[in-house]
Amino acid sequence: MQDWYNIVRSAAPDNLILIGTPVWCQILAPTVDNPVIGNNILYIVHIYPGYWQYDWYRDQISQAAVAHPLLLTE
């Protein structure tokens, strides 16, 4: 993802960049320790209502939200 970010950033130095994550924007845990390096970045979280019942799901979203900005969608 870093390569894609760099390409976009070279053409649009100030734009907000939305970054998706694996499994339809469901897996955020890796972004905590391995973020894309740059500025004006939002990670996308696509929440399926049935998943909110799982601790692992809520925990990874909470941990990612402490590390960087998130945009929650449904």
PDB file of N, CA and C in Angstrom:
ATOM      1  N   MET A   1       0.815  -1.194   0.000  1.00  0.00           N
ATOM      2  CA  MET A   1       0.000   0.000   0.000  1.00  0.00           C
ATOM      3  C   MET A   1       0.860   1.261   0.000  1.00  0.00           C
ATOM      4  N   GLN A   2       2.032   1.154   0.591  1.00  0.00           N
ATOM      5  CA  GLN A   2       2.906   2.327   0.634  1.00  0.00           C
ATOM      6  C   GLN A   2       3.249   2.805  -0.768  1.00  0.00           C
ATOM      7  N   ASP A   3       3.496   1.880  -1.689  1.00  0.00           N
ATOM      8  CA  ASP A   3       3.806   2.274  -3.069  1.00  0.00           C
ATOM      9  C   ASP A   3       2.642   3.026  -3.703  1.00  0.00           C
ATOM     10  N   TRP A   4       1.422   2.551  -3.492  1.00  0.00           N
ATOM     11  CA  TRP A   4       0.249   3.234  -4.050  1.00  0.00           C
ATOM     12  C   TRP A   4       0.098   4.622  -3.435  1.00  0.00           C
ATOM     13  N   TYR A   5       0.292   4.704  -2.131  1.00  0.00           N
ATOM     14  CA  TYR A   5       0.227   6.006  -1.460  1.00  0.00           C
ATOM     15  C   TYR A   5       1.235   6.966  -2.097  1.00  0.00           C
ATOM     16  N   ASN A   6       2.463   6.505  -2.291  1.00  0.00           N
ATOM     17  CA  ASN A   6       3.513   7.362  -2.858  1.00  0.00           C
ATOM     18  C   ASN A   6       3.151   7.850  -4.258  1.00  0.00           C
ATOM     19  N   ILE A   7       2.544   6.985  -5.053  1.00  0.00           N
ATOM     20  CA  ILE A   7       2.128   7.373  -6.402  1.00  0.00           C
ATOM     21  C   ILE A   7       1.054   8.454  -6.335  1.00  0.00           C
ATOM     22  N   VAL A   8       0.041   8.224  -5.519  1.00  0.00           N
ATOM     23  CA  VAL A   8      -1.035   9.215  -5.396  1.00  0.00           C
ATOM     24  C   VAL A   8      -0.486  10.524  -4.838  1.00  0.00           C
ATOM     25  N   ARG A   9       0.342  10.427  -3.816  1.00  0.00           N
ATOM     26  CA  ARG A   9       0.862  11.637  -3.171  1.00  0.00           C
ATOM     27  C   ARG A   9       1.720  12.454  -4.128  1.00  0.00           C
ATOM     28  N   SER A  10       2.430  11.806  -5.044  1.00  0.00           N
ATOM     29  CA  SER A  10       3.265  12.557  -5.989  1.00  0.00           C
ATOM     30  C   SER A  10       2.419  13.414  -6.927  1.00  0.00           C
ATOM     31  N   ALA A  11       1.209  12.975  -7.209  1.00  0.00           N
ATOM     32  CA  ALA A  11       0.320  13.728  -8.093  1.00  0.00           C
ATOM     33  C   ALA A  11      -0.617  14.661  -7.326  1.00  0.00           C
ATOM     34  N   ALA A  12      -0.852  14.364  -6.068  1.00  0.00           N
ATOM     35  CA  ALA A  12      -1.797  15.142  -5.263  1.00  0.00           C
ATOM     36  C   ALA A  12      -1.204  15.332  -3.862  1.00  0.00           C
ATOM     37  N   PRO A  13      -0.333  16.302  -3.703  1.00  0.00           N
ATOM     38  CA  PRO A  13       0.409  16.438  -2.453  1.00  0.00           C
ATOM     39  C   PRO A  13      -0.423  16.778  -1.214  1.00  0.00           C
ATOM     40  N   ASP A  14      -1.617  17.317  -1.396  1.00  0.00           N
ATOM     41  CA  ASP A  14      -2.396  17.746  -0.237  1.00  0.00           C
ATOM     42  C   ASP A  14      -3.725  17.010  -0.065  1.00  0.00           C
ATOM     43  N   ASN A  15      -4.080  16.156  -1.000  1.00  0.00           N
ATOM     44  CA  ASN A  15      -5.378  15.489  -0.928  1.00  0.00           C
ATOM     45  C   ASN A  15      -5.452  14.492   0.220  1.00  0.00           C
ATOM     46  N   LEU A  16      -6.649  14.279   0.706  1.00  0.00           N
ATOM     47  CA  LEU A  16      -6.924  13.237   1.678  1.00  0.00           C
ATOM     48  C   LEU A  16      -6.885  11.900   0.947  1.00  0.00           C
ATOM     49  N   ILE A  17      -6.196  10.924   1.521  1.00  0.00           N
ATOM     50  CA  ILE A  17      -6.104   9.602   0.907  1.00  0.00           C
ATOM     51  C   ILE A  17      -6.810   8.598   1.807  1.00  0.00           C
ATOM     52  N   LEU A  18      -7.773   7.895   1.228  1.00  0.00           N
ATOM     53  CA  LEU A  18      -8.503   6.860   1.945  1.00  0.00           C
ATOM     54  C   LEU A  18      -7.852   5.519   1.655  1.00  0.00           C
ATOM     55  N   ILE A  19      -7.523   4.786   2.710  1.00  0.00           N
ATOM     56  CA  ILE A  19      -6.831   3.514   2.552  1.00  0.00           C
ATOM     57  C   ILE A  19      -7.713   2.389   3.066  1.00  0.00           C
ATOM     58  N   GLY A  20      -8.005   1.466   2.177  1.00  0.00           N
ATOM     59  CA  GLY A  20      -8.776   0.290   2.550  1.00  0.00           C
ATOM     60  C   GLY A  20      -7.887  -0.757   3.194  1.00  0.00           C
ATOM     61  N   THR A  21      -8.515  -1.722   3.830  1.00  0.00           N
ATOM     62  CA  THR A  21      -7.794  -2.804   4.483  1.00  0.00           C
ATOM     63  C   THR A  21      -8.361  -4.136   3.990  1.00  0.00           C
ATOM     64  N   PRO A  22      -7.681  -5.237   4.275  1.00  0.00           N
ATOM     65  CA  PRO A  22      -8.129  -6.533   3.769  1.00  0.00           C
ATOM     66  C   PRO A  22      -9.530  -6.942   4.229  1.00  0.00           C
ATOM     67  N   VAL A  23     -10.093  -7.865   3.496  1.00  0.00           N
ATOM     68  CA  VAL A  23     -11.395  -8.477   3.783  1.00  0.00           C
ATOM     69  C   VAL A  23     -12.480  -7.400   3.861  1.00  0.00           C
ATOM     70  N   TRP A  24     -12.638  -6.671   2.782  1.00  0.00           N
ATOM     71  CA  TRP A  24     -13.666  -5.640   2.675  1.00  0.00           C
ATOM     72  C   TRP A  24     -13.568  -4.615   3.800  1.00  0.00           C
ATOM     73  N   CYS A  25     -12.345  -4.218   4.094  1.00  0.00           N
ATOM     74  CA  CYS A  25     -12.058  -3.198   5.122  1.00  0.00           C
ATOM     75  C   CYS A  25     -12.475  -3.651   6.526  1.00  0.00           C
ATOM     76  N   GLN A  26     -12.259  -4.926   6.809  1.00  0.00           N
ATOM     77  CA  GLN A  26     -12.599  -5.495   8.111  1.00  0.00           C
ATOM     78  C   GLN A  26     -11.387  -5.729   9.003  1.00  0.00           C
ATOM     79  N   ILE A  27     -10.207  -5.919   8.431  1.00  0.00           N
ATOM     80  CA  ILE A  27      -9.018  -6.292   9.204  1.00  0.00           C
ATOM     81  C   ILE A  27      -8.116  -5.067   9.364  1.00  0.00           C
ATOM     82  N   LEU A  28      -8.126  -4.491  10.557  1.00  0.00           N
ATOM     83  CA  LEU A  28      -7.366  -3.270  10.826  1.00  0.00           C
ATOM     84  C   LEU A  28      -6.148  -3.477  11.694  1.00  0.00           C
ATOM     85  N   ALA A  29      -6.070  -4.581  12.396  1.00  0.00           N
ATOM     86  CA  ALA A  29      -4.983  -4.795  13.361  1.00  0.00           C
ATOM     87  C   ALA A  29      -3.597  -4.568  12.754  1.00  0.00           C
ATOM     88  N   PRO A  30      -3.300  -5.042  11.539  1.00  0.00           N
ATOM     89  CA  PRO A  30      -1.947  -4.825  11.000  1.00  0.00           C
ATOM     90  C   PRO A  30      -1.574  -3.353  10.801  1.00  0.00           C
ATOM     91  N   THR A  31      -2.558  -2.483  10.672  1.00  0.00           N
ATOM     92  CA  THR A  31      -2.252  -1.068  10.451  1.00  0.00           C
ATOM     93  C   THR A  31      -1.670  -0.398  11.691  1.00  0.00           C
ATOM     94  N   VAL A  32      -1.895  -0.998  12.853  1.00  0.00           N
ATOM     95  CA  VAL A  32      -1.380  -0.401  14.090  1.00  0.00           C
ATOM     96  C   VAL A  32       0.149  -0.429  14.106  1.00  0.00           C
ATOM     97  N   ASP A  33       0.725  -1.584  13.765  1.00  0.00           N
ATOM     98  CA  ASP A  33       2.183  -1.727  13.805  1.00  0.00           C
ATOM     99  C   ASP A  33       2.867  -1.498  12.458  1.00  0.00           C
ATOM    100  N   ASN A  34       2.085  -1.456  11.393  1.00  0.00           N
ATOM    101  CA  ASN A  34       2.663  -1.310  10.055  1.00  0.00           C
ATOM    102  C   ASN A  34       1.840  -0.307   9.232  1.00  0.00           C
ATOM    103  N   PRO A  35       1.782   0.941   9.684  1.00  0.00           N
ATOM    104  CA  PRO A  35       0.970   1.924   8.972  1.00  0.00           C
ATOM    105  C   PRO A  35       1.630   2.404   7.685  1.00  0.00           C
ATOM    106  N   VAL A  36       0.821   2.935   6.805  1.00  0.00           N
ATOM    107  CA  VAL A  36       1.351   3.644   5.642  1.00  0.00           C
ATOM    108  C   VAL A  36       1.930   4.950   6.171  1.00  0.00           C
ATOM    109  N   ILE A  37       3.124   5.281   5.742  1.00  0.00           N
ATOM    110  CA  ILE A  37       3.793   6.495   6.216  1.00  0.00           C
ATOM    111  C   ILE A  37       3.402   7.654   5.310  1.00  0.00           C
ATOM    112  N   GLY A  38       2.884   8.716   5.913  1.00  0.00           N
ATOM    113  CA  GLY A  38       2.504   9.884   5.141  1.00  0.00           C
ATOM    114  C   GLY A  38       1.572  10.782   5.935  1.00  0.00           C
ATOM    115  N   ASN A  39       0.901  11.667   5.218  1.00  0.00           N
ATOM    116  CA  ASN A  39      -0.014  12.601   5.871  1.00  0.00           C
ATOM    117  C   ASN A  39      -1.356  12.593   5.167  1.00  0.00           C
ATOM    118  N   ASN A  40      -2.351  13.148   5.834  1.00  0.00           N
ATOM    119  CA  ASN A  40      -3.716  13.216   5.304  1.00  0.00           C
ATOM    120  C   ASN A  40      -4.229  11.835   4.900  1.00  0.00           C
ATOM    121  N   ILE A  41      -4.088  10.876   5.815  1.00  0.00           N
ATOM    122  CA  ILE A  41      -4.506   9.493   5.569  1.00  0.00           C
ATOM    123  C   ILE A  41      -5.662   9.139   6.493  1.00  0.00           C
ATOM    124  N   LEU A  42      -6.672   8.496   5.933  1.00  0.00           N
ATOM    125  CA  LEU A  42      -7.761   7.894   6.707  1.00  0.00           C
ATOM    126  C   LEU A  42      -7.836   6.425   6.332  1.00  0.00           C
ATOM    127  N   TYR A  43      -7.886   5.558   7.322  1.00  0.00           N
ATOM    128  CA  TYR A  43      -8.111   4.139   7.069  1.00  0.00           C
ATOM    129  C   TYR A  43      -9.610   3.877   7.083  1.00  0.00           C
ATOM    130  N   ILE A  44     -10.055   3.075   6.144  1.00  0.00           N
ATOM    131  CA  ILE A  44     -11.475   2.768   6.008  1.00  0.00           C
ATOM    132  C   ILE A  44     -11.817   1.530   6.835  1.00  0.00           C
ATOM    133  N   VAL A  45     -12.910   1.615   7.572  1.00  0.00           N
ATOM    134  CA  VAL A  45     -13.450   0.479   8.320  1.00  0.00           C
ATOM    135  C   VAL A  45     -14.885   0.295   7.866  1.00  0.00           C
ATOM    136  N   HIS A  46     -15.186  -0.856   7.322  1.00  0.00           N
ATOM    137  CA  HIS A  46     -16.549  -1.145   6.890  1.00  0.00           C
ATOM    138  C   HIS A  46     -17.155  -2.088   7.918  1.00  0.00           C
ATOM    139  N   ILE A  47     -18.102  -1.581   8.672  1.00  0.00           N
ATOM    140  CA  ILE A  47     -18.674  -2.343   9.773  1.00  0.00           C
ATOM    141  C   ILE A  47     -19.944  -3.054   9.327  1.00  0.00           C
ATOM    142  N   TYR A  48     -19.946  -4.359   9.492  1.00  0.00           N
ATOM    143  CA  TYR A  48     -21.164  -5.151   9.322  1.00  0.00           C
ATOM    144  C   TYR A  48     -21.784  -5.294  10.704  1.00  0.00           C
ATOM    145  N   PRO A  49     -23.041  -4.926  10.870  1.00  0.00           N
ATOM    146  CA  PRO A  49     -23.651  -4.920  12.201  1.00  0.00           C
ATOM    147  C   PRO A  49     -23.495  -6.235  12.967  1.00  0.00           C
ATOM    148  N   GLY A  50     -23.568  -7.356  12.304  1.00  0.00           N
ATOM    149  CA  GLY A  50     -23.454  -8.634  12.991  1.00  0.00           C
ATOM    150  C   GLY A  50     -22.078  -8.890  13.588  1.00  0.00           C
ATOM    151  N   TYR A  51     -21.054  -8.207  13.086  1.00  0.00           N
ATOM    152  CA  TYR A  51     -19.695  -8.422  13.594  1.00  0.00           C
ATOM    153  C   TYR A  51     -19.432  -7.680  14.896  1.00  0.00           C
ATOM    154  N   TRP A  52     -20.213  -6.658  15.191  1.00  0.00           N
ATOM    155  CA  TRP A  52     -19.944  -5.819  16.358  1.00  0.00           C
ATOM    156  C   TRP A  52     -20.015  -6.610  17.656  1.00  0.00           C
ATOM    157  N   GLN A  53     -20.639  -7.767  17.637  1.00  0.00           N
ATOM    158  CA  GLN A  53     -20.757  -8.601  18.834  1.00  0.00           C
ATOM    159  C   GLN A  53     -19.430  -9.267  19.225  1.00  0.00           C
ATOM    160  N   TYR A  54     -18.456  -9.298  18.317  1.00  0.00           N
ATOM    161  CA  TYR A  54     -17.195  -9.994  18.566  1.00  0.00           C
ATOM    162  C   TYR A  54     -16.152  -9.072  19.182  1.00  0.00           C
ATOM    163  N   ASP A  55     -15.583  -9.522  20.298  1.00  0.00           N
ATOM    164  CA  ASP A  55     -14.548  -8.729  20.974  1.00  0.00           C
ATOM    165  C   ASP A  55     -13.371  -8.444  20.066  1.00  0.00           C
ATOM    166  N   TRP A  56     -12.903  -9.446  19.291  1.00  0.00           N
ATOM    167  CA  TRP A  56     -11.731  -9.261  18.425  1.00  0.00           C
ATOM    168  C   TRP A  56     -11.965  -8.133  17.431  1.00  0.00           C
ATOM    169  N   TYR A  57     -13.205  -8.000  16.991  1.00  0.00           N
ATOM    170  CA  TYR A  57     -13.537  -6.974  16.007  1.00  0.00           C
ATOM    171  C   TYR A  57     -13.514  -5.588  16.635  1.00  0.00           C
ATOM    172  N   ARG A  58     -14.195  -5.458  17.760  1.00  0.00           N
ATOM    173  CA  ARG A  58     -14.219  -4.169  18.460  1.00  0.00           C
ATOM    174  C   ARG A  58     -12.820  -3.767  18.923  1.00  0.00           C
ATOM    175  N   ASP A  59     -12.046  -4.744  19.402  1.00  0.00           N
ATOM    176  CA  ASP A  59     -10.701  -4.445  19.905  1.00  0.00           C
ATOM    177  C   ASP A  59      -9.786  -3.923  18.801  1.00  0.00           C
ATOM    178  N   GLN A  60      -9.827  -4.548  17.631  1.00  0.00           N
ATOM    179  CA  GLN A  60      -8.924  -4.089  16.570  1.00  0.00           C
ATOM    180  C   GLN A  60      -9.321  -2.699  16.086  1.00  0.00           C
ATOM    181  N   ILE A  61     -10.600  -2.402  16.049  1.00  0.00           N
ATOM    182  CA  ILE A  61     -11.036  -1.066  15.650  1.00  0.00           C
ATOM    183  C   ILE A  61     -10.588  -0.037  16.694  1.00  0.00           C
ATOM    184  N   SER A  62     -10.744  -0.375  17.970  1.00  0.00           N
ATOM    185  CA  SER A  62     -10.331   0.534  19.037  1.00  0.00           C
ATOM    186  C   SER A  62      -8.835   0.789  19.002  1.00  0.00           C
ATOM    187  N   GLN A  63      -8.048  -0.258  18.799  1.00  0.00           N
ATOM    188  CA  GLN A  63      -6.588  -0.109  18.748  1.00  0.00           C
ATOM    189  C   GLN A  63      -6.166   0.726  17.543  1.00  0.00           C
ATOM    190  N   ALA A  64      -6.781   0.492  16.410  1.00  0.00           N
ATOM    191  CA  ALA A  64      -6.450   1.264  15.210  1.00  0.00           C
ATOM    192  C   ALA A  64      -6.845   2.729  15.385  1.00  0.00           C
ATOM    193  N   ALA A  65      -7.969   2.985  16.036  1.00  0.00           N
ATOM    194  CA  ALA A  65      -8.429   4.364  16.234  1.00  0.00           C
ATOM    195  C   ALA A  65      -7.471   5.161  17.117  1.00  0.00           C
ATOM    196  N   VAL A  66      -6.781   4.493  18.016  1.00  0.00           N
ATOM    197  CA  VAL A  66      -5.775   5.170  18.842  1.00  0.00           C
ATOM    198  C   VAL A  66      -4.544   5.504  17.998  1.00  0.00           C
ATOM    199  N   ALA A  67      -4.234   4.644  17.029  1.00  0.00           N
ATOM    200  CA  ALA A  67      -3.023   4.816  16.218  1.00  0.00           C
ATOM    201  C   ALA A  67      -3.173   5.844  15.103  1.00  0.00           C
ATOM    202  N   HIS A  68      -4.363   5.930  14.488  1.00  0.00           N
ATOM    203  CA  HIS A  68      -4.558   6.845  13.365  1.00  0.00           C
ATOM    204  C   HIS A  68      -6.047   7.049  13.075  1.00  0.00           C
ATOM    205  N   PRO A  69      -6.383   8.059  12.285  1.00  0.00           N
ATOM    206  CA  PRO A  69      -7.788   8.353  11.992  1.00  0.00           C
ATOM    207  C   PRO A  69      -8.449   7.235  11.169  1.00  0.00           C
ATOM    208  N   LEU A  70      -9.725   7.002  11.495  1.00  0.00           N
ATOM    209  CA  LEU A  70     -10.518   6.008  10.783  1.00  0.00           C
ATOM    210  C   LEU A  70     -11.769   6.660  10.213  1.00  0.00           C
ATOM    211  N   LEU A  71     -12.240   6.117   9.105  1.00  0.00           N
ATOM    212  CA  LEU A  71     -13.523   6.497   8.539  1.00  0.00           C
ATOM    213  C   LEU A  71     -14.395   5.247   8.570  1.00  0.00           C
ATOM    214  N   LEU A  72     -15.429   5.270   9.401  1.00  0.00           N
ATOM    215  CA  LEU A  72     -16.307   4.119   9.540  1.00  0.00           C
ATOM    216  C   LEU A  72     -17.454   4.212   8.566  1.00  0.00           C
ATOM    217  N   THR A  73     -17.691   3.119   7.858  1.00  0.00           N
ATOM    218  CA  THR A  73     -18.777   3.060   6.889  1.00  0.00           C
ATOM    219  C   THR A  73     -19.603   1.805   7.153  1.00  0.00           C
ATOM    220  N   GLU A  74     -20.705   1.716   6.468  1.00  0.00           N
ATOM    221  CA  GLU A  74     -21.533   0.495   6.523  1.00  0.00           C
ATOM    222  C   GLU A  74     -21.952   0.131   5.137  1.00  0.00           C
TER     223      GLU A  74
END
